[in-house]
Amino acid sequence: MPPLALQENSCSLLFGFNNGFDDIYGFPFRTEGMKGEILMNENERDLSQFRKLSAYIMQDNQLHLNLTVDEAMAVAAKLKIGDKKGFQRESIISEILDTLGLLDHRRTMTSGLSGGQKKRLSIALELVSNPPIMFFTNQPVALTLHPVFSVFLY
Protein backbone atom coordinates (compact mmCIF):
# COMPACT_ATOMS: atom_id res chain seq x y z
CA MET A 1 0.00 0.00 0.00
CA PRO A 2 1.46 3.43 -0.91
CA PRO A 3 2.11 5.89 1.92
CA LEU A 4 -0.57 8.39 2.88
CA ALA A 5 0.70 11.89 2.11
CA LEU A 6 -0.92 14.75 3.98
CA GLN A 7 -0.72 18.27 2.59
CA GLU A 8 0.66 21.12 4.65
CA ASN A 9 -1.87 23.63 6.04
CA SER A 10 -4.79 21.26 5.56
CA CYS A 11 -6.98 19.11 7.75
CA SER A 12 -7.15 15.43 6.89
CA LEU A 13 -10.07 13.33 8.09
CA LEU A 14 -9.50 9.59 8.40
CA PHE A 15 -12.39 7.19 8.95
CA GLY A 16 -12.07 3.66 10.24
CA PHE A 17 -13.00 1.18 12.91
CA ASN A 18 -11.92 1.46 16.54
CA ASN A 19 -9.16 -1.14 16.26
CA GLY A 20 -7.92 0.21 12.93
CA PHE A 21 -6.42 3.31 14.56
CA ASP A 22 -5.06 1.69 17.70
CA ASP A 23 -1.49 1.34 16.44
CA ILE A 24 -1.51 4.66 14.61
CA TYR A 25 -2.73 6.64 17.59
CA GLY A 26 -0.58 4.77 20.07
CA PHE A 27 -3.07 2.80 22.10
CA PRO A 28 -1.66 -0.36 23.67
CA PHE A 29 -3.95 -2.58 21.58
CA ARG A 30 -2.52 -4.39 18.58
CA THR A 31 -4.19 -5.42 15.35
CA GLU A 32 -3.07 -8.81 14.08
CA GLY A 33 -1.90 -9.03 10.49
CA MET A 34 -0.94 -5.35 10.29
CA LYS A 35 2.63 -4.26 9.72
CA GLY A 36 4.50 -1.23 8.51
CA GLU A 37 5.83 2.00 9.87
CA ILE A 38 4.26 5.33 10.67
CA LEU A 39 6.25 8.33 9.53
CA MET A 40 5.83 12.05 10.14
CA ASN A 41 7.73 14.33 7.76
CA GLU A 42 9.68 11.29 6.52
CA ASN A 43 10.91 10.49 10.07
CA GLU A 44 9.71 7.85 12.48
CA ARG A 45 6.68 9.22 14.29
CA ASP A 46 7.20 10.81 17.71
CA LEU A 47 4.07 9.63 19.53
CA SER A 48 3.94 12.61 21.89
CA GLN A 49 4.16 15.13 19.04
CA PHE A 50 1.72 13.11 16.93
CA ARG A 51 -0.91 13.19 19.68
CA LYS A 52 -0.59 16.98 19.92
CA LEU A 53 -1.16 17.32 16.16
CA SER A 54 -4.13 15.01 15.86
CA ALA A 55 -7.62 14.53 17.23
CA TYR A 56 -9.43 11.24 17.84
CA ILE A 57 -13.24 11.34 17.61
CA MET A 58 -14.77 8.33 19.32
CA GLN A 59 -17.99 6.68 18.17
CA ASP A 60 -19.46 7.31 21.62
CA ASN A 61 -19.88 10.96 22.50
CA GLN A 62 -17.77 11.56 25.61
CA LEU A 63 -19.49 14.79 26.61
CA HIS A 64 -20.23 16.42 29.96
CA LEU A 65 -24.01 16.36 29.89
CA ASN A 66 -24.37 18.93 32.68
CA LEU A 67 -22.63 21.69 30.66
CA THR A 68 -24.10 23.95 28.02
CA VAL A 69 -22.55 23.92 24.54
CA ASP A 70 -20.93 27.27 25.34
CA GLU A 71 -19.49 26.03 28.64
CA ALA A 72 -18.09 22.87 27.03
CA MET A 73 -16.47 24.90 24.25
CA ALA A 74 -15.05 27.43 26.74
CA VAL A 75 -13.43 24.64 28.77
CA ALA A 76 -11.96 23.05 25.63
CA ALA A 77 -10.66 26.42 24.42
CA LYS A 78 -9.09 27.25 27.78
CA LEU A 79 -7.34 23.86 27.87
CA LYS A 80 -6.26 23.71 24.22
CA ILE A 81 -5.60 27.34 23.28
CA GLY A 82 -5.39 29.01 26.68
CA ASP A 83 -2.45 31.11 25.53
CA LYS A 84 -4.76 33.11 23.24
CA LYS A 85 -6.65 36.17 24.52
CA GLY A 86 -10.28 35.70 25.59
CA PHE A 87 -11.72 37.54 22.58
CA GLN A 88 -9.61 35.36 20.25
CA ARG A 89 -10.89 32.18 21.89
CA GLU A 90 -14.46 33.48 21.66
CA SER A 91 -14.01 34.25 17.96
CA ILE A 92 -12.68 30.74 17.30
CA ILE A 93 -15.55 29.17 19.27
CA SER A 94 -18.18 31.20 17.41
CA GLU A 95 -16.70 30.35 14.02
CA ILE A 96 -16.60 26.63 14.79
CA LEU A 97 -20.14 26.56 16.21
CA ASP A 98 -21.44 28.51 13.21
CA THR A 99 -19.66 26.20 10.77
CA LEU A 100 -21.13 23.09 12.42
CA GLY A 101 -24.63 24.50 12.81
CA LEU A 102 -24.50 24.77 16.60
CA LEU A 103 -24.41 28.55 17.05
CA ASP A 104 -28.11 28.72 17.94
CA HIS A 105 -27.58 26.03 20.61
CA ARG A 106 -24.88 27.79 22.63
CA ARG A 107 -27.07 27.93 25.74
CA THR A 108 -28.50 24.42 25.31
CA MET A 109 -27.46 21.80 27.84
CA THR A 110 -25.45 19.08 26.16
CA SER A 111 -27.94 16.54 27.47
CA GLY A 112 -30.65 18.33 25.46
CA LEU A 113 -28.91 18.01 22.10
CA SER A 114 -29.93 15.50 19.44
CA GLY A 115 -27.58 12.66 18.52
CA GLY A 116 -26.28 14.50 15.45
CA GLN A 117 -25.76 17.70 17.43
CA LYS A 118 -23.81 15.77 20.08
CA LYS A 119 -21.58 14.28 17.37
CA ARG A 120 -20.98 17.75 15.90
CA LEU A 121 -20.19 19.10 19.38
CA SER A 122 -17.64 16.31 19.86
CA ILE A 123 -16.01 17.40 16.61
CA ALA A 124 -16.24 21.09 17.56
CA LEU A 125 -14.45 20.44 20.84
CA GLU A 126 -11.53 18.94 18.91
CA LEU A 127 -11.52 21.61 16.20
CA VAL A 128 -10.65 24.24 18.82
CA SER A 129 -6.97 23.33 18.53
CA ASN A 130 -7.17 23.24 14.69
CA PRO A 131 -5.65 19.76 14.34
CA PRO A 132 -4.15 18.87 10.95
CA ILE A 133 -5.29 15.24 11.34
CA MET A 134 -8.62 13.98 12.70
CA PHE A 135 -9.40 10.30 13.24
CA PHE A 136 -13.02 9.12 13.33
CA THR A 137 -13.76 5.62 14.63
CA ASN A 138 -16.75 5.50 12.31
CA GLN A 139 -18.09 7.62 9.52
CA PRO A 140 -20.06 10.39 11.25
CA VAL A 141 -23.36 9.55 9.57
CA ALA A 142 -25.13 11.97 11.90
CA LEU A 143 -23.52 14.83 10.01
CA THR A 144 -25.19 16.33 7.00
CA LEU A 145 -23.06 16.93 3.92
CA HIS A 146 -22.89 20.68 4.45
CA PRO A 147 -21.10 20.60 7.84
CA VAL A 148 -18.72 17.89 6.62
CA PHE A 149 -17.60 19.99 3.68
CA SER A 150 -17.43 23.05 5.93
CA VAL A 151 -15.06 21.18 8.23
CA PHE A 152 -12.79 20.39 5.29
CA LEU A 153 -12.68 24.09 4.44
CA TYR A 154 -12.20 25.30 8.04
C-alpha atoms as a PDB file:
ATOM      1  CA  MET A   1       0.000   0.000   0.000  1.00  0.00           C
ATOM      2  CA  PRO A   2       1.459   3.428  -0.912  1.00  0.00           C
ATOM      3  CA  PRO A   3       2.112   5.892   1.921  1.00  0.00           C
ATOM      4  CA  LEU A   4      -0.565   8.386   2.877  1.00  0.00           C
ATOM      5  CA  ALA A   5       0.704  11.885   2.108  1.00  0.00           C
ATOM      6  CA  LEU A   6      -0.919  14.753   3.981  1.00  0.00           C
ATOM      7  CA  GLN A   7      -0.724  18.266   2.595  1.00  0.00           C
ATOM      8  CA  GLU A   8       0.662  21.121   4.646  1.00  0.00           C
ATOM      9  CA  ASN A   9      -1.870  23.630   6.045  1.00  0.00           C
ATOM     10  CA  SER A  10      -4.791  21.264   5.563  1.00  0.00           C
ATOM     11  CA  CYS A  11      -6.978  19.108   7.752  1.00  0.00           C
ATOM     12  CA  SER A  12      -7.152  15.435   6.885  1.00  0.00           C
ATOM     13  CA  LEU A  13     -10.074  13.333   8.090  1.00  0.00           C
ATOM     14  CA  LEU A  14      -9.500   9.590   8.401  1.00  0.00           C
ATOM     15  CA  PHE A  15     -12.389   7.193   8.955  1.00  0.00           C
ATOM     16  CA  GLY A  16     -12.069   3.655  10.245  1.00  0.00           C
ATOM     17  CA  PHE A  17     -12.997   1.184  12.913  1.00  0.00           C
ATOM     18  CA  ASN A  18     -11.920   1.458  16.539  1.00  0.00           C
ATOM     19  CA  ASN A  19      -9.158  -1.141  16.259  1.00  0.00           C
ATOM     20  CA  GLY A  20      -7.925   0.209  12.928  1.00  0.00           C
ATOM     21  CA  PHE A  21      -6.417   3.309  14.555  1.00  0.00           C
ATOM     22  CA  ASP A  22      -5.058   1.688  17.704  1.00  0.00           C
ATOM     23  CA  ASP A  23      -1.486   1.339  16.441  1.00  0.00           C
ATOM     24  CA  ILE A  24      -1.510   4.663  14.613  1.00  0.00           C
ATOM     25  CA  TYR A  25      -2.732   6.640  17.588  1.00  0.00           C
ATOM     26  CA  GLY A  26      -0.578   4.772  20.074  1.00  0.00           C
ATOM     27  CA  PHE A  27      -3.074   2.799  22.105  1.00  0.00           C
ATOM     28  CA  PRO A  28      -1.660  -0.360  23.671  1.00  0.00           C
ATOM     29  CA  PHE A  29      -3.949  -2.580  21.580  1.00  0.00           C
ATOM     30  CA  ARG A  30      -2.521  -4.395  18.578  1.00  0.00           C
ATOM     31  CA  THR A  31      -4.185  -5.419  15.345  1.00  0.00           C
ATOM     32  CA  GLU A  32      -3.068  -8.814  14.084  1.00  0.00           C
ATOM     33  CA  GLY A  33      -1.901  -9.033  10.495  1.00  0.00           C
ATOM     34  CA  MET A  34      -0.944  -5.353  10.290  1.00  0.00           C
ATOM     35  CA  LYS A  35       2.634  -4.259   9.719  1.00  0.00           C
ATOM     36  CA  GLY A  36       4.499  -1.231   8.508  1.00  0.00           C
ATOM     37  CA  GLU A  37       5.827   2.005   9.870  1.00  0.00           C
ATOM     38  CA  ILE A  38       4.262   5.326  10.673  1.00  0.00           C
ATOM     39  CA  LEU A  39       6.249   8.332   9.527  1.00  0.00           C
ATOM     40  CA  MET A  40       5.829  12.051  10.137  1.00  0.00           C
ATOM     41  CA  ASN A  41       7.735  14.332   7.760  1.00  0.00           C
ATOM     42  CA  GLU A  42       9.675  11.292   6.522  1.00  0.00           C
ATOM     43  CA  ASN A  43      10.906  10.488  10.065  1.00  0.00           C
ATOM     44  CA  GLU A  44       9.707   7.845  12.482  1.00  0.00           C
ATOM     45  CA  ARG A  45       6.684   9.216  14.294  1.00  0.00           C
ATOM     46  CA  ASP A  46       7.204  10.813  17.705  1.00  0.00           C
ATOM     47  CA  LEU A  47       4.073   9.631  19.533  1.00  0.00           C
ATOM     48  CA  SER A  48       3.942  12.610  21.892  1.00  0.00           C
ATOM     49  CA  GLN A  49       4.163  15.132  19.044  1.00  0.00           C
ATOM     50  CA  PHE A  50       1.719  13.113  16.931  1.00  0.00           C
ATOM     51  CA  ARG A  51      -0.912  13.187  19.676  1.00  0.00           C
ATOM     52  CA  LYS A  52      -0.590  16.977  19.923  1.00  0.00           C
ATOM     53  CA  LEU A  53      -1.160  17.322  16.163  1.00  0.00           C
ATOM     54  CA  SER A  54      -4.131  15.006  15.861  1.00  0.00           C
ATOM     55  CA  ALA A  55      -7.624  14.527  17.228  1.00  0.00           C
ATOM     56  CA  TYR A  56      -9.430  11.239  17.841  1.00  0.00           C
ATOM     57  CA  ILE A  57     -13.237  11.344  17.615  1.00  0.00           C
ATOM     58  CA  MET A  58     -14.766   8.330  19.324  1.00  0.00           C
ATOM     59  CA  GLN A  59     -17.985   6.681  18.168  1.00  0.00           C
ATOM     60  CA  ASP A  60     -19.458   7.308  21.616  1.00  0.00           C
ATOM     61  CA  ASN A  61     -19.878  10.956  22.500  1.00  0.00           C
ATOM     62  CA  GLN A  62     -17.773  11.563  25.609  1.00  0.00           C
ATOM     63  CA  LEU A  63     -19.491  14.795  26.611  1.00  0.00           C
ATOM     64  CA  HIS A  64     -20.225  16.420  29.963  1.00  0.00           C
ATOM     65  CA  LEU A  65     -24.012  16.360  29.885  1.00  0.00           C
ATOM     66  CA  ASN A  66     -24.371  18.930  32.677  1.00  0.00           C
ATOM     67  CA  LEU A  67     -22.628  21.693  30.664  1.00  0.00           C
ATOM     68  CA  THR A  68     -24.099  23.954  28.021  1.00  0.00           C
ATOM     69  CA  VAL A  69     -22.551  23.920  24.544  1.00  0.00           C
ATOM     70  CA  ASP A  70     -20.930  27.275  25.339  1.00  0.00           C
ATOM     71  CA  GLU A  71     -19.487  26.034  28.636  1.00  0.00           C
ATOM     72  CA  ALA A  72     -18.094  22.870  27.027  1.00  0.00           C
ATOM     73  CA  MET A  73     -16.470  24.901  24.250  1.00  0.00           C
ATOM     74  CA  ALA A  74     -15.046  27.428  26.738  1.00  0.00           C
ATOM     75  CA  VAL A  75     -13.433  24.638  28.774  1.00  0.00           C
ATOM     76  CA  ALA A  76     -11.960  23.053  25.635  1.00  0.00           C
ATOM     77  CA  ALA A  77     -10.664  26.419  24.416  1.00  0.00           C
ATOM     78  CA  LYS A  78      -9.091  27.246  27.775  1.00  0.00           C
ATOM     79  CA  LEU A  79      -7.343  23.858  27.868  1.00  0.00           C
ATOM     80  CA  LYS A  80      -6.263  23.713  24.221  1.00  0.00           C
ATOM     81  CA  ILE A  81      -5.596  27.339  23.279  1.00  0.00           C
ATOM     82  CA  GLY A  82      -5.394  29.009  26.676  1.00  0.00           C
ATOM     83  CA  ASP A  83      -2.452  31.112  25.530  1.00  0.00           C
ATOM     84  CA  LYS A  84      -4.765  33.106  23.238  1.00  0.00           C
ATOM     85  CA  LYS A  85      -6.648  36.167  24.523  1.00  0.00           C
ATOM     86  CA  GLY A  86     -10.281  35.704  25.592  1.00  0.00           C
ATOM     87  CA  PHE A  87     -11.718  37.540  22.583  1.00  0.00           C
ATOM     88  CA  GLN A  88      -9.613  35.363  20.251  1.00  0.00           C
ATOM     89  CA  ARG A  89     -10.889  32.179  21.894  1.00  0.00           C
ATOM     90  CA  GLU A  90     -14.462  33.483  21.661  1.00  0.00           C
ATOM     91  CA  SER A  91     -14.009  34.251  17.961  1.00  0.00           C
ATOM     92  CA  ILE A  92     -12.677  30.742  17.304  1.00  0.00           C
ATOM     93  CA  ILE A  93     -15.548  29.173  19.273  1.00  0.00           C
ATOM     94  CA  SER A  94     -18.178  31.203  17.409  1.00  0.00           C
ATOM     95  CA  GLU A  95     -16.701  30.354  14.022  1.00  0.00           C
ATOM     96  CA  ILE A  96     -16.601  26.630  14.786  1.00  0.00           C
ATOM     97  CA  LEU A  97     -20.141  26.556  16.210  1.00  0.00           C
ATOM     98  CA  ASP A  98     -21.441  28.506  13.214  1.00  0.00           C
ATOM     99  CA  THR A  99     -19.659  26.198  10.767  1.00  0.00           C
ATOM    100  CA  LEU A 100     -21.132  23.089  12.418  1.00  0.00           C
ATOM    101  CA  GLY A 101     -24.633  24.502  12.814  1.00  0.00           C
ATOM    102  CA  LEU A 102     -24.502  24.773  16.601  1.00  0.00           C
ATOM    103  CA  LEU A 103     -24.406  28.548  17.045  1.00  0.00           C
ATOM    104  CA  ASP A 104     -28.111  28.722  17.944  1.00  0.00           C
ATOM    105  CA  HIS A 105     -27.579  26.026  20.607  1.00  0.00           C
ATOM    106  CA  ARG A 106     -24.879  27.795  22.628  1.00  0.00           C
ATOM    107  CA  ARG A 107     -27.070  27.928  25.744  1.00  0.00           C
ATOM    108  CA  THR A 108     -28.501  24.423  25.308  1.00  0.00           C
ATOM    109  CA  MET A 109     -27.462  21.804  27.838  1.00  0.00           C
ATOM    110  CA  THR A 110     -25.446  19.084  26.158  1.00  0.00           C
ATOM    111  CA  SER A 111     -27.941  16.539  27.469  1.00  0.00           C
ATOM    112  CA  GLY A 112     -30.652  18.326  25.465  1.00  0.00           C
ATOM    113  CA  LEU A 113     -28.906  18.007  22.095  1.00  0.00           C
ATOM    114  CA  SER A 114     -29.932  15.504  19.443  1.00  0.00           C
ATOM    115  CA  GLY A 115     -27.577  12.659  18.519  1.00  0.00           C
ATOM    116  CA  GLY A 116     -26.275  14.499  15.451  1.00  0.00           C
ATOM    117  CA  GLN A 117     -25.759  17.696  17.429  1.00  0.00           C
ATOM    118  CA  LYS A 118     -23.806  15.771  20.081  1.00  0.00           C
ATOM    119  CA  LYS A 119     -21.580  14.283  17.374  1.00  0.00           C
ATOM    120  CA  ARG A 120     -20.985  17.746  15.902  1.00  0.00           C
ATOM    121  CA  LEU A 121     -20.186  19.101  19.382  1.00  0.00           C
ATOM    122  CA  SER A 122     -17.639  16.307  19.857  1.00  0.00           C
ATOM    123  CA  ILE A 123     -16.011  17.397  16.607  1.00  0.00           C
ATOM    124  CA  ALA A 124     -16.244  21.086  17.556  1.00  0.00           C
ATOM    125  CA  LEU A 125     -14.445  20.437  20.841  1.00  0.00           C
ATOM    126  CA  GLU A 126     -11.529  18.941  18.912  1.00  0.00           C
ATOM    127  CA  LEU A 127     -11.516  21.613  16.197  1.00  0.00           C
ATOM    128  CA  VAL A 128     -10.651  24.243  18.823  1.00  0.00           C
ATOM    129  CA  SER A 129      -6.966  23.326  18.530  1.00  0.00           C
ATOM    130  CA  ASN A 130      -7.167  23.243  14.694  1.00  0.00           C
ATOM    131  CA  PRO A 131      -5.647  19.764  14.337  1.00  0.00           C
ATOM    132  CA  PRO A 132      -4.147  18.872  10.954  1.00  0.00           C
ATOM    133  CA  ILE A 133      -5.291  15.235  11.342  1.00  0.00           C
ATOM    134  CA  MET A 134      -8.616  13.985  12.695  1.00  0.00           C
ATOM    135  CA  PHE A 135      -9.400  10.303  13.238  1.00  0.00           C
ATOM    136  CA  PHE A 136     -13.023   9.119  13.334  1.00  0.00           C
ATOM    137  CA  THR A 137     -13.759   5.624  14.633  1.00  0.00           C
ATOM    138  CA  ASN A 138     -16.754   5.499  12.311  1.00  0.00           C
ATOM    139  CA  GLN A 139     -18.091   7.622   9.522  1.00  0.00           C
ATOM    140  CA  PRO A 140     -20.057  10.386  11.245  1.00  0.00           C
ATOM    141  CA  VAL A 141     -23.356   9.549   9.567  1.00  0.00           C
ATOM    142  CA  ALA A 142     -25.131  11.971  11.896  1.00  0.00           C
ATOM    143  CA  LEU A 143     -23.517  14.833  10.013  1.00  0.00           C
ATOM    144  CA  THR A 144     -25.186  16.334   7.005  1.00  0.00           C
ATOM    145  CA  LEU A 145     -23.060  16.930   3.922  1.00  0.00           C
ATOM    146  CA  HIS A 146     -22.885  20.685   4.450  1.00  0.00           C
ATOM    147  CA  PRO A 147     -21.100  20.602   7.844  1.00  0.00           C
ATOM    148  CA  VAL A 148     -18.723  17.890   6.615  1.00  0.00           C
ATOM    149  CA  PHE A 149     -17.596  19.994   3.676  1.00  0.00           C
ATOM    150  CA  SER A 150     -17.431  23.047   5.928  1.00  0.00           C
ATOM    151  CA  VAL A 151     -15.063  21.183   8.233  1.00  0.00           C
ATOM    152  CA  PHE A 152     -12.790  20.386   5.293  1.00  0.00           C
ATOM    153  CA  LEU A 153     -12.684  24.091   4.438  1.00  0.00           C
ATOM    154  CA  TYR A 154     -12.195  25.298   8.041  1.00  0.00           C
END
